[in-house]
Amino acid sequence: MEGKTFCQNWGSSIYFIANLLNFVLATAVFTIPFPMHEVGIFLGTIILSITCFISVVACTFIIESLALKNAILKQENSILERAILENEQEQKDLLDKEEKGEEQKEEKDKDRPTFISKTSLATNIEEIQNDKDKKEVLLNQDDDLIKGNVPEEDIIERSNTLYIYKRFEISKLSESLPKLGYYFVVLTIIFYLYVGVTSNGIIAGNNLKDIIGKTIGIEMPGYSYYIIVVCFFIITIIIALNNIKHLKKFSMFIMIMRFVIIFLILGSCFYSMGKYGVASFSNIPKFDISNITVMIGNSLFVFMSHHSIPGMVENFTPQKRLIKLLVIGYLFSLLFIVVYSYVGLFAFSDPNYSCDKEHPFPIAIQSTFSSNFLGLPVIEYIINYYPILNVITSGMQLITLRNNILEAIAGCNRELSRKLNFAEQSGFFSLVKNFCFNTIVALPPIAIGLSLQNIQSLMKYFSSILGFLLMLVVPVLVVERYRSLFHKRKYQFTDLNRSFLTNKYGTFFIIFMSVVIFSLIIFGFIKNTNNKTCVNE
């Protein structure tokens, strides 16, 4: 039993780290070498290191918020369950007295317990009886322990106040904030999801335009990019008609393919260095603060994974290792990205390399790094056709985007949100309506994708500001709110699933970093307006 439990925990730990690496490396392999060259090898490494640390802190804030939310819910469930049982017993006693012919002169207790907020006990009971999922959470939350589905060594953790047993997305966590704060969080998530969907379309448009032309042996016209981007988003809209759980079946295949592409890119870089020579260190930029915004935007986009944390930590065991594994996973990610960037710089920073994609391999570093491998037999096709798979990722992002938009609408008008949720409705006409609604949701990324052909422009102007808000501001708002709620309810803290920045100095540190990073972003906007597609332009 002990050996099996150890293997299960070890396997889940490896999967957790691999999943984290998958999120971090999703876009980095295509975008990070270019900004690293633009800001210089020293400044780029500093920015990546700082962003990695901030991302770790953001993830621990979300983990702590999830733990506090689950602890509060567990306490409320326990109190509400007792109230339901007491109410049922009270009703049974009344019926018994009526059967015996006793006169009922007792008045209802006017002082109901304080755990019922805003609604009466009868309303709470009716909600629970009508909501099957909620009833299962309230009355059967420890059923998996009874059935023996949880390893014995983890049963102690289940009784811990800050054990995460139920998943809540960041938009759900932010419901405890005041209305203004809630809408700020939801809208930030929505806009950032637009960046993710748009980036996939731009990368696909650039890569497919080049590789399709080489495949059929003709030079593609300039407008072919627009056709490819529109087709990419049409397919994305169709894929988004599916249930996100069905699309997640492809996640493992996409993850494997991503690591194959990384292996091919690194192998091709070493091949270039072996055959054509290593770029001189003197030809590699060291420190250029004027291009800092594009690097900040890319690094924030690369390490932005805390929005995926709720799905990764739900019922993860043993949870006492969660924060440690998170730090290990991010350290591996940082080390890999730095090495990956260095390899790209030393392979393609020769000042004599051309920016012309028609020039034989190797060429100077492109804004979309996969374009650097055009000219390599076979490998060029595998690397540059890979973005087709991003259409599945974009489909999942579009579903999440649509759900967040409906969540925002529900904050104003829940009935309207329910009517617009065509994905939950059956029938052909509901399917057509869902397609139309998805199309409306996808209009902004289509428009941005058609107007910004350079992926680095998207990173610079959109990812930097939105990434800053989502990485720094949102997690602090959410965790401080739950810490406040937890203290008000006088619950006892435990060490499990808490961020290592729990005191006021930690919050001040995050505020200080926010001011510095935001100032650098604005400085980069003012200092540099040049959006190149190749480092030697």
Foldseek 3Di string as FASTA:
>chain_A
DVVVVVVVQVVLLVVLLLVLLLLLLVQLLFFQLVLCLVFALAVLLVLLVVLLVLLLLLLLLLLQLLLLVVLVVLVLLVVLVVVVVVVVVVVVVVVVCVVVVHDDPDDDDPDDDPSDPPDDNVVVVVVLVVDVVNVCCSPPVCVCVVVPVDDPVQVVVVPDSRARADFDFLLRLCVLPPPVSSLVQLVLLLLVLLLVLLLLLLLLLVLCQVVVCVVVVHRHDPCSSLVSSVVLVLLLLVLLLDDLVVLCVCVVVLSVLSVVLLVLLLVVLVVLCVPVNWDDPVLRGHGDLLQVLLSLLVSLSSSPDSSVSSVSRNVNPPQQCVSVSSVVSSVVSSVVSSVSSVSLCGRASHLPFDPDLVDAPQHFQFSGRLSRPPNPPPSNCSNSVSSSVCSSVSSSSLNVSLVSVLVSVCVVPVVVSVVQPLSPPDDDVSSVSSSVSSVVSNVVSSVCSVVDSRSSVSSNPRSLVSSLCNSQVSSVSSSVSSVVVCVVVVDDDDPGSHRPQDDPVSNVVSVVVSVVSVVSSVSNVVSDDDDDRGPND
